[in-house]
Amino acid sequence: MKKVTKYAIIAQEKCNGCKTCYAICPVLAIRMENKKATIIGDRCLGCSNCEQRCPEYAITIVPLEKPFWVGLDVNKFDQLKIMELCTKAKFHPDQVICFCTGSRAGEIAAAIIDGAKTPEDISLKTGVRTGCKVLCIEPVLRLLQAAGIEPRKPDGYQWTGITATLWELSEEVKNKYGSRGFYFDADREFLEGNLAYESKKGGK
């Protein structure tokens, strides 16, 4: 959940149409018109990514007259479905996956259950990815994949791919680093046991 207190405005006379802001916006709130960037007002969540990266300093972040909250009440959704989706993605529902907004895996799962099909849809529903925008794309993509959804990457660099976790490590990697004090299989067994325990509790 995120409290939105500001939004972006673009000085058209300074914009050179480089598309940097268009390519970085995590909620696709910027479009190009007549070779100039413009803000889609009702989508901007004031993350400042566009302002920080504009080479012409054409974007300013200004206070909102009426701040508002973006987020979902997880308690309004089927808790078993949330637990099942999070468990499949190897997350605990209470696990924080976006430290900038404090968004937890359960809220992202709720957004997917609520109809979100892309990371951008999820961001608009929860506020996730509207802080630093660096780390949280991976858990968002994992939860979408767990729901059987493979979103198409936007035309830009809003998100990266997914790196390997304990569940994807090859035997070659485990053998190579296991001798150096890493306990991959033991860690995985512990995590799977904890997930199974929490999943069982959620089903009661």
N, C-alpha and C. Protein backbone atom coordinates (compact mmCIF):
# COMPACT_ATOMS: atom_id res chain seq x y z
N MET A 1 0.84 -1.19 0.00
CA MET A 1 0.00 0.00 0.00
C MET A 1 0.88 1.24 0.00
N LYS A 2 0.43 2.26 -0.71
CA LYS A 2 1.23 3.48 -0.81
C LYS A 2 0.34 4.71 -0.73
N LYS A 3 0.79 5.71 -0.01
CA LYS A 3 0.10 7.00 0.01
C LYS A 3 0.72 7.86 -1.09
N VAL A 4 -0.08 8.25 -2.05
CA VAL A 4 0.40 9.08 -3.16
C VAL A 4 0.21 10.53 -2.78
N THR A 5 1.32 11.27 -2.69
CA THR A 5 1.27 12.66 -2.24
C THR A 5 1.74 13.65 -3.30
N LYS A 6 2.16 13.14 -4.45
CA LYS A 6 2.71 14.04 -5.48
C LYS A 6 2.49 13.45 -6.86
N TYR A 7 2.71 14.25 -7.88
CA TYR A 7 2.59 13.78 -9.25
C TYR A 7 3.55 14.55 -10.14
N ALA A 8 3.73 14.07 -11.35
CA ALA A 8 4.70 14.67 -12.27
C ALA A 8 4.03 15.63 -13.24
N ILE A 9 4.73 16.71 -13.56
CA ILE A 9 4.31 17.59 -14.64
C ILE A 9 5.50 17.78 -15.58
N ILE A 10 5.22 17.93 -16.86
CA ILE A 10 6.28 18.05 -17.87
C ILE A 10 6.22 19.40 -18.55
N ALA A 11 7.34 20.09 -18.56
CA ALA A 11 7.46 21.37 -19.26
C ALA A 11 7.69 21.06 -20.74
N GLN A 12 6.65 21.22 -21.53
CA GLN A 12 6.71 20.84 -22.93
C GLN A 12 7.81 21.56 -23.71
N GLU A 13 8.08 22.80 -23.33
CA GLU A 13 9.11 23.58 -24.04
C GLU A 13 10.51 23.03 -23.81
N LYS A 14 10.70 22.27 -22.72
CA LYS A 14 12.02 21.69 -22.43
C LYS A 14 12.16 20.26 -22.97
N CYS A 15 11.03 19.56 -23.16
CA CYS A 15 11.07 18.16 -23.59
C CYS A 15 11.61 18.04 -25.01
N ASN A 16 12.59 17.15 -25.18
CA ASN A 16 13.16 16.94 -26.51
C ASN A 16 12.69 15.63 -27.15
N GLY A 17 11.74 14.96 -26.48
CA GLY A 17 11.18 13.73 -27.05
C GLY A 17 12.10 12.53 -27.00
N CYS A 18 13.02 12.47 -26.04
CA CYS A 18 14.00 11.38 -25.98
C CYS A 18 13.38 10.05 -25.53
N LYS A 19 12.21 10.09 -24.93
CA LYS A 19 11.46 8.91 -24.47
C LYS A 19 12.04 8.24 -23.23
N THR A 20 13.00 8.88 -22.57
CA THR A 20 13.57 8.27 -21.36
C THR A 20 12.50 8.07 -20.30
N CYS A 21 11.71 9.09 -20.05
CA CYS A 21 10.65 8.98 -19.03
C CYS A 21 9.60 7.95 -19.44
N TYR A 22 9.28 7.92 -20.70
CA TYR A 22 8.31 6.97 -21.23
C TYR A 22 8.77 5.54 -20.99
N ALA A 23 10.07 5.32 -21.14
CA ALA A 23 10.62 3.98 -21.04
C ALA A 23 10.86 3.51 -19.61
N ILE A 24 10.81 4.44 -18.66
CA ILE A 24 11.13 4.07 -17.28
C ILE A 24 9.91 4.02 -16.38
N CYS A 25 8.78 4.59 -16.78
CA CYS A 25 7.62 4.69 -15.90
C CYS A 25 7.06 3.32 -15.53
N PRO A 26 6.98 3.00 -14.23
CA PRO A 26 6.54 1.66 -13.80
C PRO A 26 5.03 1.43 -13.93
N VAL A 27 4.27 2.50 -14.16
CA VAL A 27 2.81 2.33 -14.32
C VAL A 27 2.34 2.78 -15.70
N LEU A 28 3.27 3.00 -16.61
CA LEU A 28 2.95 3.41 -17.99
C LEU A 28 2.05 4.65 -17.99
N ALA A 29 2.45 5.64 -17.18
CA ALA A 29 1.67 6.87 -17.06
C ALA A 29 2.12 7.95 -18.03
N ILE A 30 3.08 7.62 -18.90
CA ILE A 30 3.59 8.61 -19.85
C ILE A 30 3.39 8.09 -21.27
N ARG A 31 2.91 8.96 -22.14
CA ARG A 31 2.77 8.62 -23.55
C ARG A 31 3.43 9.71 -24.38
N MET A 32 3.74 9.38 -25.61
CA MET A 32 4.36 10.33 -26.53
C MET A 32 3.32 10.87 -27.48
N GLU A 33 3.22 12.19 -27.56
CA GLU A 33 2.31 12.86 -28.47
C GLU A 33 3.05 13.98 -29.19
N ASN A 34 3.06 13.91 -30.52
CA ASN A 34 3.77 14.92 -31.32
C ASN A 34 5.23 15.07 -30.88
N LYS A 35 5.85 13.91 -30.61
CA LYS A 35 7.26 13.85 -30.22
C LYS A 35 7.54 14.53 -28.88
N LYS A 36 6.53 14.61 -28.04
CA LYS A 36 6.68 15.17 -26.71
C LYS A 36 6.06 14.21 -25.69
N ALA A 37 6.64 14.15 -24.50
CA ALA A 37 6.10 13.30 -23.45
C ALA A 37 4.96 14.02 -22.73
N THR A 38 3.89 13.28 -22.46
CA THR A 38 2.77 13.84 -21.70
C THR A 38 2.35 12.84 -20.61
N ILE A 39 1.83 13.36 -19.52
CA ILE A 39 1.41 12.54 -18.40
C ILE A 39 -0.05 12.15 -18.53
N ILE A 40 -0.32 10.87 -18.33
CA ILE A 40 -1.71 10.40 -18.22
C ILE A 40 -2.07 10.58 -16.75
N GLY A 41 -2.77 11.65 -16.46
CA GLY A 41 -2.95 12.12 -15.08
C GLY A 41 -3.43 11.11 -14.08
N ASP A 42 -4.40 10.29 -14.44
CA ASP A 42 -4.99 9.38 -13.46
C ASP A 42 -4.14 8.14 -13.22
N ARG A 43 -3.01 8.02 -13.89
CA ARG A 43 -2.13 6.85 -13.69
C ARG A 43 -0.88 7.19 -12.88
N CYS A 44 -0.47 8.44 -12.88
CA CYS A 44 0.77 8.82 -12.21
C CYS A 44 0.66 8.62 -10.70
N LEU A 45 1.65 7.89 -10.13
CA LEU A 45 1.69 7.65 -8.69
C LEU A 45 2.86 8.38 -8.03
N GLY A 46 3.44 9.35 -8.75
CA GLY A 46 4.45 10.22 -8.16
C GLY A 46 5.71 9.55 -7.68
N CYS A 47 6.21 8.56 -8.44
CA CYS A 47 7.39 7.82 -7.99
C CYS A 47 8.70 8.57 -8.19
N SER A 48 8.69 9.60 -9.04
CA SER A 48 9.87 10.45 -9.30
C SER A 48 10.91 9.83 -10.23
N ASN A 49 10.68 8.62 -10.71
CA ASN A 49 11.66 8.00 -11.60
C ASN A 49 11.88 8.82 -12.87
N CYS A 50 10.81 9.36 -13.41
CA CYS A 50 10.93 10.16 -14.64
C CYS A 50 11.71 11.44 -14.37
N GLU A 51 11.42 12.11 -13.28
CA GLU A 51 12.11 13.36 -12.94
C GLU A 51 13.60 13.12 -12.76
N GLN A 52 13.94 12.04 -12.08
CA GLN A 52 15.35 11.76 -11.78
C GLN A 52 16.16 11.43 -13.02
N ARG A 53 15.50 10.95 -14.06
CA ARG A 53 16.24 10.49 -15.24
C ARG A 53 16.11 11.39 -16.46
N CYS A 54 15.29 12.43 -16.38
CA CYS A 54 15.12 13.32 -17.53
C CYS A 54 16.39 14.11 -17.80
N PRO A 55 17.02 13.94 -18.98
CA PRO A 55 18.28 14.64 -19.27
C PRO A 55 18.11 16.14 -19.49
N GLU A 56 16.89 16.58 -19.73
CA GLU A 56 16.63 18.00 -20.00
C GLU A 56 16.02 18.73 -18.80
N TYR A 57 15.86 18.01 -17.68
CA TYR A 57 15.24 18.59 -16.48
C TYR A 57 13.88 19.19 -16.81
N ALA A 58 13.14 18.47 -17.63
CA ALA A 58 11.84 18.97 -18.08
C ALA A 58 10.69 18.52 -17.18
N ILE A 59 10.99 17.66 -16.20
CA ILE A 59 9.93 17.09 -15.36
C ILE A 59 10.09 17.56 -13.91
N THR A 60 8.99 17.97 -13.33
CA THR A 60 8.96 18.41 -11.95
C THR A 60 7.93 17.60 -11.18
N ILE A 61 8.28 17.20 -9.98
CA ILE A 61 7.35 16.49 -9.10
C ILE A 61 6.75 17.52 -8.14
N VAL A 62 5.43 17.62 -8.15
CA VAL A 62 4.75 18.64 -7.34
C VAL A 62 3.76 17.97 -6.38
N PRO A 63 3.44 18.64 -5.27
CA PRO A 63 2.51 18.06 -4.29
C PRO A 63 1.09 17.94 -4.86
N LEU A 64 0.41 16.89 -4.45
CA LEU A 64 -0.99 16.71 -4.80
C LEU A 64 -1.86 17.51 -3.85
N GLU A 65 -2.90 18.12 -4.39
CA GLU A 65 -3.82 18.86 -3.54
C GLU A 65 -4.57 17.91 -2.61
N LYS A 66 -4.93 16.73 -3.16
CA LYS A 66 -5.64 15.73 -2.37
C LYS A 66 -4.91 14.39 -2.46
N PRO A 67 -3.99 14.12 -1.52
CA PRO A 67 -3.29 12.82 -1.52
C PRO A 67 -4.28 11.67 -1.41
N PHE A 68 -3.87 10.50 -1.89
CA PHE A 68 -4.75 9.34 -1.82
C PHE A 68 -3.91 8.08 -1.61
N TRP A 69 -4.59 7.01 -1.18
CA TRP A 69 -3.93 5.73 -0.95
C TRP A 69 -4.16 4.79 -2.11
N VAL A 70 -3.13 4.01 -2.43
CA VAL A 70 -3.25 2.95 -3.43
C VAL A 70 -2.95 1.64 -2.72
N GLY A 71 -3.85 0.71 -2.78
CA GLY A 71 -3.63 -0.56 -2.11
C GLY A 71 -4.89 -1.40 -2.04
N LEU A 72 -4.73 -2.64 -1.64
CA LEU A 72 -5.84 -3.57 -1.52
C LEU A 72 -5.94 -4.09 -0.10
N ASP A 73 -7.17 -4.26 0.37
CA ASP A 73 -7.39 -4.87 1.68
C ASP A 73 -7.37 -6.39 1.48
N VAL A 74 -6.27 -7.00 1.89
CA VAL A 74 -6.08 -8.43 1.68
C VAL A 74 -7.18 -9.25 2.34
N ASN A 75 -7.72 -8.76 3.43
CA ASN A 75 -8.74 -9.49 4.18
C ASN A 75 -10.05 -9.67 3.40
N LYS A 76 -10.22 -8.92 2.34
CA LYS A 76 -11.44 -9.02 1.53
C LYS A 76 -11.35 -10.14 0.48
N PHE A 77 -10.20 -10.80 0.42
CA PHE A 77 -9.99 -11.84 -0.57
C PHE A 77 -9.89 -13.20 0.09
N ASP A 78 -10.08 -14.22 -0.71
CA ASP A 78 -10.01 -15.60 -0.23
C ASP A 78 -8.60 -15.90 0.28
N GLN A 79 -8.46 -16.10 1.58
CA GLN A 79 -7.14 -16.29 2.19
C GLN A 79 -6.48 -17.58 1.72
N LEU A 80 -7.27 -18.60 1.45
CA LEU A 80 -6.70 -19.86 0.97
C LEU A 80 -6.10 -19.68 -0.42
N LYS A 81 -6.79 -18.94 -1.28
CA LYS A 81 -6.26 -18.68 -2.62
C LYS A 81 -4.98 -17.85 -2.56
N ILE A 82 -4.95 -16.89 -1.66
CA ILE A 82 -3.74 -16.07 -1.49
C ILE A 82 -2.59 -16.95 -1.01
N MET A 83 -2.85 -17.81 -0.04
CA MET A 83 -1.82 -18.70 0.47
C MET A 83 -1.33 -19.66 -0.61
N GLU A 84 -2.25 -20.22 -1.37
CA GLU A 84 -1.88 -21.15 -2.43
C GLU A 84 -0.99 -20.49 -3.48
N LEU A 85 -1.35 -19.28 -3.89
CA LEU A 85 -0.57 -18.57 -4.90
C LEU A 85 0.81 -18.20 -4.37
N CYS A 86 0.86 -17.68 -3.15
CA CYS A 86 2.15 -17.31 -2.55
C CYS A 86 3.04 -18.53 -2.35
N THR A 87 2.46 -19.63 -1.88
CA THR A 87 3.22 -20.85 -1.66
C THR A 87 3.79 -21.37 -2.98
N LYS A 88 3.00 -21.33 -4.03
CA LYS A 88 3.47 -21.79 -5.34
C LYS A 88 4.63 -20.93 -5.84
N ALA A 89 4.59 -19.64 -5.50
CA ALA A 89 5.68 -18.73 -5.90
C ALA A 89 6.83 -18.73 -4.92
N LYS A 90 6.71 -19.54 -3.85
CA LYS A 90 7.73 -19.66 -2.80
C LYS A 90 7.88 -18.39 -1.98
N PHE A 91 6.74 -17.78 -1.64
CA PHE A 91 6.72 -16.61 -0.76
C PHE A 91 5.75 -16.85 0.39
N HIS A 92 6.05 -16.24 1.51
CA HIS A 92 5.08 -16.20 2.61
C HIS A 92 4.19 -14.98 2.35
N PRO A 93 2.88 -15.07 2.56
CA PRO A 93 2.00 -13.93 2.30
C PRO A 93 2.39 -12.65 3.03
N ASP A 94 3.00 -12.79 4.21
CA ASP A 94 3.40 -11.61 4.99
C ASP A 94 4.79 -11.10 4.63
N GLN A 95 5.43 -11.76 3.69
CA GLN A 95 6.79 -11.38 3.31
C GLN A 95 6.78 -10.07 2.54
N VAL A 96 7.56 -9.09 3.00
CA VAL A 96 7.66 -7.80 2.31
C VAL A 96 8.48 -8.00 1.04
N ILE A 97 7.92 -7.59 -0.09
CA ILE A 97 8.65 -7.73 -1.36
C ILE A 97 8.98 -6.38 -1.99
N CYS A 98 8.40 -5.31 -1.46
CA CYS A 98 8.75 -3.96 -1.91
C CYS A 98 8.99 -3.12 -0.66
N PHE A 99 10.24 -2.85 -0.37
CA PHE A 99 10.57 -2.15 0.86
C PHE A 99 10.22 -0.68 0.79
N CYS A 100 10.14 -0.11 -0.40
CA CYS A 100 9.80 1.31 -0.53
C CYS A 100 8.35 1.57 -0.14
N THR A 101 7.46 0.65 -0.44
CA THR A 101 6.04 0.85 -0.15
C THR A 101 5.54 -0.07 0.96
N GLY A 102 6.38 -1.01 1.40
CA GLY A 102 5.96 -1.97 2.42
C GLY A 102 4.99 -3.01 1.90
N SER A 103 4.92 -3.17 0.58
CA SER A 103 3.98 -4.12 -0.03
C SER A 103 4.41 -5.55 0.26
N ARG A 104 3.45 -6.38 0.63
CA ARG A 104 3.71 -7.78 0.96
C ARG A 104 3.21 -8.71 -0.14
N ALA A 105 3.74 -9.90 -0.13
CA ALA A 105 3.39 -10.88 -1.17
C ALA A 105 1.89 -11.14 -1.23
N GLY A 106 1.25 -11.17 -0.06
CA GLY A 106 -0.19 -11.43 -0.01
C GLY A 106 -1.00 -10.38 -0.75
N GLU A 107 -0.56 -9.12 -0.68
CA GLU A 107 -1.28 -8.06 -1.39
C GLU A 107 -1.11 -8.19 -2.90
N ILE A 108 0.08 -8.60 -3.31
CA ILE A 108 0.32 -8.80 -4.74
C ILE A 108 -0.53 -9.96 -5.25
N ALA A 109 -0.60 -11.02 -4.45
CA ALA A 109 -1.44 -12.16 -4.81
C ALA A 109 -2.91 -11.73 -4.91
N ALA A 110 -3.34 -10.88 -3.98
CA ALA A 110 -4.72 -10.38 -4.01
C ALA A 110 -4.98 -9.58 -5.28
N ALA A 111 -3.99 -8.79 -5.70
CA ALA A 111 -4.14 -8.00 -6.93
C ALA A 111 -4.31 -8.91 -8.14
N ILE A 112 -3.56 -10.01 -8.16
CA ILE A 112 -3.67 -10.97 -9.27
C ILE A 112 -5.03 -11.64 -9.23
N ILE A 113 -5.47 -12.03 -8.06
CA ILE A 113 -6.81 -12.62 -7.91
C ILE A 113 -7.88 -11.62 -8.33
N ASP A 114 -7.59 -10.33 -8.12
CA ASP A 114 -8.52 -9.25 -8.46
C ASP A 114 -8.50 -8.90 -9.95
N GLY A 115 -7.64 -9.60 -10.73
CA GLY A 115 -7.65 -9.40 -12.17
C GLY A 115 -6.41 -8.80 -12.80
N ALA A 116 -5.40 -8.45 -12.00
CA ALA A 116 -4.18 -7.88 -12.55
C ALA A 116 -3.45 -8.91 -13.40
N LYS A 117 -3.01 -8.51 -14.58
CA LYS A 117 -2.35 -9.42 -15.52
C LYS A 117 -0.89 -9.05 -15.81
N THR A 118 -0.47 -7.86 -15.38
CA THR A 118 0.88 -7.39 -15.66
C THR A 118 1.46 -6.72 -14.42
N PRO A 119 2.78 -6.53 -14.37
CA PRO A 119 3.37 -5.79 -13.26
C PRO A 119 2.80 -4.38 -13.14
N GLU A 120 2.48 -3.78 -14.30
CA GLU A 120 1.93 -2.42 -14.30
C GLU A 120 0.53 -2.40 -13.69
N ASP A 121 -0.28 -3.41 -14.01
CA ASP A 121 -1.60 -3.54 -13.39
C ASP A 121 -1.47 -3.65 -11.87
N ILE A 122 -0.52 -4.47 -11.45
CA ILE A 122 -0.31 -4.69 -10.02
C ILE A 122 0.15 -3.41 -9.33
N SER A 123 1.03 -2.66 -10.00
CA SER A 123 1.52 -1.40 -9.43
C SER A 123 0.38 -0.41 -9.23
N LEU A 124 -0.53 -0.34 -10.21
CA LEU A 124 -1.65 0.58 -10.10
C LEU A 124 -2.61 0.19 -8.98
N LYS A 125 -2.70 -1.11 -8.69
CA LYS A 125 -3.60 -1.58 -7.64
C LYS A 125 -2.98 -1.50 -6.25
N THR A 126 -1.65 -1.62 -6.16
CA THR A 126 -1.01 -1.74 -4.85
C THR A 126 0.05 -0.67 -4.55
N GLY A 127 0.60 -0.04 -5.57
CA GLY A 127 1.69 0.92 -5.36
C GLY A 127 3.07 0.29 -5.44
N VAL A 128 3.14 -1.05 -5.47
CA VAL A 128 4.43 -1.73 -5.55
C VAL A 128 5.19 -1.26 -6.80
N ARG A 129 6.52 -1.18 -6.70
CA ARG A 129 7.40 -0.76 -7.79
C ARG A 129 7.40 0.76 -8.02
N THR A 130 6.77 1.53 -7.14
CA THR A 130 6.76 2.98 -7.36
C THR A 130 7.65 3.70 -6.35
N GLY A 131 8.70 2.98 -5.93
CA GLY A 131 9.73 3.58 -5.09
C GLY A 131 11.02 3.56 -5.88
N CYS A 132 11.99 2.79 -5.42
CA CYS A 132 13.27 2.70 -6.15
C CYS A 132 13.11 1.94 -7.47
N LYS A 133 12.11 1.04 -7.53
CA LYS A 133 11.78 0.29 -8.75
C LYS A 133 12.86 -0.71 -9.15
N VAL A 134 13.73 -1.10 -8.22
CA VAL A 134 14.86 -1.95 -8.57
C VAL A 134 14.62 -3.42 -8.23
N LEU A 135 14.24 -3.72 -6.99
CA LEU A 135 14.23 -5.10 -6.51
C LEU A 135 12.89 -5.82 -6.67
N CYS A 136 11.80 -5.10 -6.62
CA CYS A 136 10.50 -5.76 -6.46
C CYS A 136 9.92 -6.34 -7.75
N ILE A 137 10.49 -6.06 -8.90
CA ILE A 137 9.94 -6.62 -10.13
C ILE A 137 10.04 -8.14 -10.14
N GLU A 138 11.10 -8.69 -9.58
CA GLU A 138 11.28 -10.14 -9.61
C GLU A 138 10.19 -10.88 -8.83
N PRO A 139 9.90 -10.53 -7.58
CA PRO A 139 8.81 -11.23 -6.89
C PRO A 139 7.45 -11.02 -7.56
N VAL A 140 7.25 -9.85 -8.15
CA VAL A 140 5.99 -9.60 -8.87
C VAL A 140 5.87 -10.56 -10.05
N LEU A 141 6.94 -10.71 -10.80
CA LEU A 141 6.93 -11.62 -11.95
C LEU A 141 6.77 -13.07 -11.49
N ARG A 142 7.37 -13.42 -10.37
CA ARG A 142 7.25 -14.79 -9.86
C ARG A 142 5.80 -15.11 -9.48
N LEU A 143 5.15 -14.16 -8.86
CA LEU A 143 3.76 -14.38 -8.47
C LEU A 143 2.85 -14.46 -9.70
N LEU A 144 3.13 -13.66 -10.71
CA LEU A 144 2.36 -13.75 -11.95
C LEU A 144 2.57 -15.11 -12.61
N GLN A 145 3.81 -15.57 -12.65
CA GLN A 145 4.11 -16.88 -13.23
C GLN A 145 3.42 -18.00 -12.45
N ALA A 146 3.39 -17.87 -11.13
CA ALA A 146 2.72 -18.88 -10.30
C ALA A 146 1.23 -18.94 -10.61
N ALA A 147 0.68 -17.82 -11.08
CA ALA A 147 -0.73 -17.77 -11.45
C ALA A 147 -0.95 -18.19 -12.91
N GLY A 148 0.15 -18.60 -13.58
CA GLY A 148 0.04 -19.02 -14.97
C GLY A 148 0.00 -17.88 -15.95
N ILE A 149 0.49 -16.71 -15.53
CA ILE A 149 0.47 -15.52 -16.39
C ILE A 149 1.89 -15.16 -16.81
N GLU A 150 2.10 -15.01 -18.10
CA GLU A 150 3.41 -14.60 -18.64
C GLU A 150 3.21 -13.26 -19.35
N PRO A 151 3.38 -12.15 -18.64
CA PRO A 151 3.13 -10.84 -19.25
C PRO A 151 4.17 -10.48 -20.30
N ARG A 152 3.75 -9.67 -21.24
CA ARG A 152 4.65 -9.18 -22.28
C ARG A 152 5.39 -7.96 -21.75
N LYS A 153 6.71 -7.94 -21.92
CA LYS A 153 7.51 -6.83 -21.43
C LYS A 153 7.17 -5.54 -22.19
N PRO A 154 6.97 -4.44 -21.48
CA PRO A 154 6.67 -3.18 -22.14
C PRO A 154 7.83 -2.69 -23.00
N ASP A 155 7.56 -1.72 -23.83
CA ASP A 155 8.57 -1.13 -24.70
C ASP A 155 9.40 -0.15 -23.89
N GLY A 156 10.37 -0.68 -23.17
CA GLY A 156 11.21 0.17 -22.34
C GLY A 156 12.07 -0.66 -21.43
N TYR A 157 12.48 -0.09 -20.31
CA TYR A 157 13.29 -0.84 -19.36
C TYR A 157 12.70 -0.71 -17.96
N GLN A 158 11.37 -0.92 -17.90
CA GLN A 158 10.67 -0.88 -16.63
C GLN A 158 10.96 -2.08 -15.75
N TRP A 159 11.31 -3.23 -16.38
CA TRP A 159 11.58 -4.40 -15.55
C TRP A 159 12.59 -5.34 -16.19
N THR A 160 13.27 -6.05 -15.30
CA THR A 160 14.28 -7.02 -15.71
C THR A 160 13.68 -8.41 -15.64
N GLY A 161 14.50 -9.41 -15.86
CA GLY A 161 14.03 -10.79 -15.79
C GLY A 161 14.13 -11.34 -14.38
N ILE A 162 14.08 -12.65 -14.29
CA ILE A 162 14.11 -13.33 -12.99
C ILE A 162 15.42 -14.08 -12.82
N THR A 163 16.03 -13.93 -11.65
CA THR A 163 17.26 -14.65 -11.36
C THR A 163 16.93 -15.96 -10.64
N ALA A 164 17.92 -16.82 -10.57
CA ALA A 164 17.71 -18.15 -9.97
C ALA A 164 17.55 -18.06 -8.46
N THR A 165 16.70 -18.93 -7.92
CA THR A 165 16.54 -19.07 -6.47
C THR A 165 17.01 -20.48 -6.09
N LEU A 166 16.81 -20.85 -4.84
CA LEU A 166 17.18 -22.20 -4.40
C LEU A 166 16.49 -23.28 -5.23
N TRP A 167 15.32 -22.95 -5.76
CA TRP A 167 14.54 -23.95 -6.49
C TRP A 167 14.99 -24.11 -7.94
N GLU A 168 15.81 -23.20 -8.42
CA GLU A 168 16.28 -23.31 -9.81
C GLU A 168 17.77 -23.60 -9.94
N LEU A 169 18.49 -23.68 -8.83
CA LEU A 169 19.93 -23.90 -8.90
C LEU A 169 20.24 -25.28 -9.50
N SER A 170 21.21 -25.30 -10.38
CA SER A 170 21.61 -26.57 -10.99
C SER A 170 22.46 -27.37 -10.02
N GLU A 171 22.56 -28.67 -10.27
CA GLU A 171 23.40 -29.52 -9.43
C GLU A 171 24.86 -29.09 -9.53
N GLU A 172 25.23 -28.60 -10.69
CA GLU A 172 26.62 -28.14 -10.89
C GLU A 172 26.95 -26.99 -9.95
N VAL A 173 26.04 -26.04 -9.85
CA VAL A 173 26.26 -24.89 -8.96
C VAL A 173 26.27 -25.33 -7.51
N LYS A 174 25.32 -26.19 -7.12
CA LYS A 174 25.26 -26.66 -5.74
C LYS A 174 26.51 -27.45 -5.36
N ASN A 175 27.00 -28.27 -6.28
CA ASN A 175 28.21 -29.04 -5.99
C ASN A 175 29.43 -28.14 -5.89
N LYS A 176 29.46 -27.10 -6.72
CA LYS A 176 30.61 -26.20 -6.74
C LYS A 176 30.72 -25.39 -5.45
N TYR A 177 29.59 -24.88 -4.99
CA TYR A 177 29.62 -23.98 -3.84
C TYR A 177 29.22 -24.66 -2.53
N GLY A 178 28.68 -25.88 -2.62
CA GLY A 178 28.32 -26.59 -1.40
C GLY A 178 29.51 -26.88 -0.52
N SER A 179 30.65 -27.07 -1.15
CA SER A 179 31.86 -27.36 -0.39
C SER A 179 32.44 -26.11 0.29
N ARG A 180 31.87 -24.95 0.00
CA ARG A 180 32.36 -23.70 0.58
C ARG A 180 31.48 -23.20 1.72
N GLY A 181 30.65 -24.08 2.23
CA GLY A 181 29.84 -23.70 3.39
C GLY A 181 28.41 -23.33 3.10
N PHE A 182 27.97 -23.50 1.86
CA PHE A 182 26.57 -23.23 1.53
C PHE A 182 25.76 -24.51 1.64
N TYR A 183 24.61 -24.42 2.27
CA TYR A 183 23.77 -25.60 2.50
C TYR A 183 22.46 -25.44 1.71
N PHE A 184 22.57 -25.52 0.39
CA PHE A 184 21.43 -25.25 -0.48
C PHE A 184 20.25 -26.18 -0.22
N ASP A 185 20.51 -27.47 -0.18
CA ASP A 185 19.43 -28.44 0.00
C ASP A 185 18.79 -28.33 1.38
N ALA A 186 19.61 -28.11 2.40
CA ALA A 186 19.08 -27.96 3.76
C ALA A 186 18.23 -26.70 3.87
N ASP A 187 18.69 -25.62 3.25
CA ASP A 187 17.93 -24.37 3.27
C ASP A 187 16.61 -24.54 2.54
N ARG A 188 16.67 -25.20 1.42
CA ARG A 188 15.44 -25.42 0.64
C ARG A 188 14.45 -26.29 1.43
N GLU A 189 14.97 -27.33 2.07
CA GLU A 189 14.11 -28.21 2.87
C GLU A 189 13.44 -27.44 4.00
N PHE A 190 14.21 -26.55 4.64
CA PHE A 190 13.66 -25.74 5.72
C PHE A 190 12.57 -24.81 5.21
N LEU A 191 12.84 -24.13 4.11
CA LEU A 191 11.87 -23.19 3.55
C LEU A 191 10.60 -23.90 3.10
N GLU A 192 10.76 -25.04 2.44
CA GLU A 192 9.59 -25.78 1.98
C GLU A 192 8.76 -26.28 3.16
N GLY A 193 9.45 -26.69 4.25
CA GLY A 193 8.73 -27.12 5.44
C GLY A 193 7.95 -25.98 6.06
N ASN A 194 8.54 -24.79 6.09
CA ASN A 194 7.88 -23.63 6.66
C ASN A 194 6.68 -23.22 5.81
N LEU A 195 6.85 -23.25 4.48
CA LEU A 195 5.76 -22.90 3.58
C LEU A 195 4.61 -23.89 3.72
N ALA A 196 4.96 -25.18 3.84
CA ALA A 196 3.93 -26.21 3.98
C ALA A 196 3.16 -26.01 5.29
N TYR A 197 3.88 -25.66 6.35
CA TYR A 197 3.25 -25.44 7.66
C TYR A 197 2.29 -24.27 7.60
N GLU A 198 2.75 -23.16 7.01
CA GLU A 198 1.90 -21.97 6.92
C GLU A 198 0.70 -22.22 6.01
N SER A 199 0.93 -22.98 4.94
CA SER A 199 -0.17 -23.30 4.01
C SER A 199 -1.23 -24.13 4.73
N LYS A 200 -0.77 -25.06 5.56
CA LYS A 200 -1.72 -25.91 6.32
C LYS A 200 -2.51 -25.07 7.30
N LYS A 201 -1.83 -24.09 7.95
CA LYS A 201 -2.53 -23.22 8.88
C LYS A 201 -3.57 -22.38 8.16
N GLY A 202 -3.21 -21.91 6.93
CA GLY A 202 -4.12 -21.07 6.16
C GLY A 202 -5.36 -21.83 5.72
N GLY A 203 -5.27 -23.15 5.65
CA GLY A 203 -6.40 -23.95 5.21
C GLY A 203 -7.37 -24.27 6.32
N LYS A 204 -7.01 -23.94 7.54
CA LYS A 204 -7.89 -24.26 8.68
C LYS A 204 -9.06 -23.27 8.75
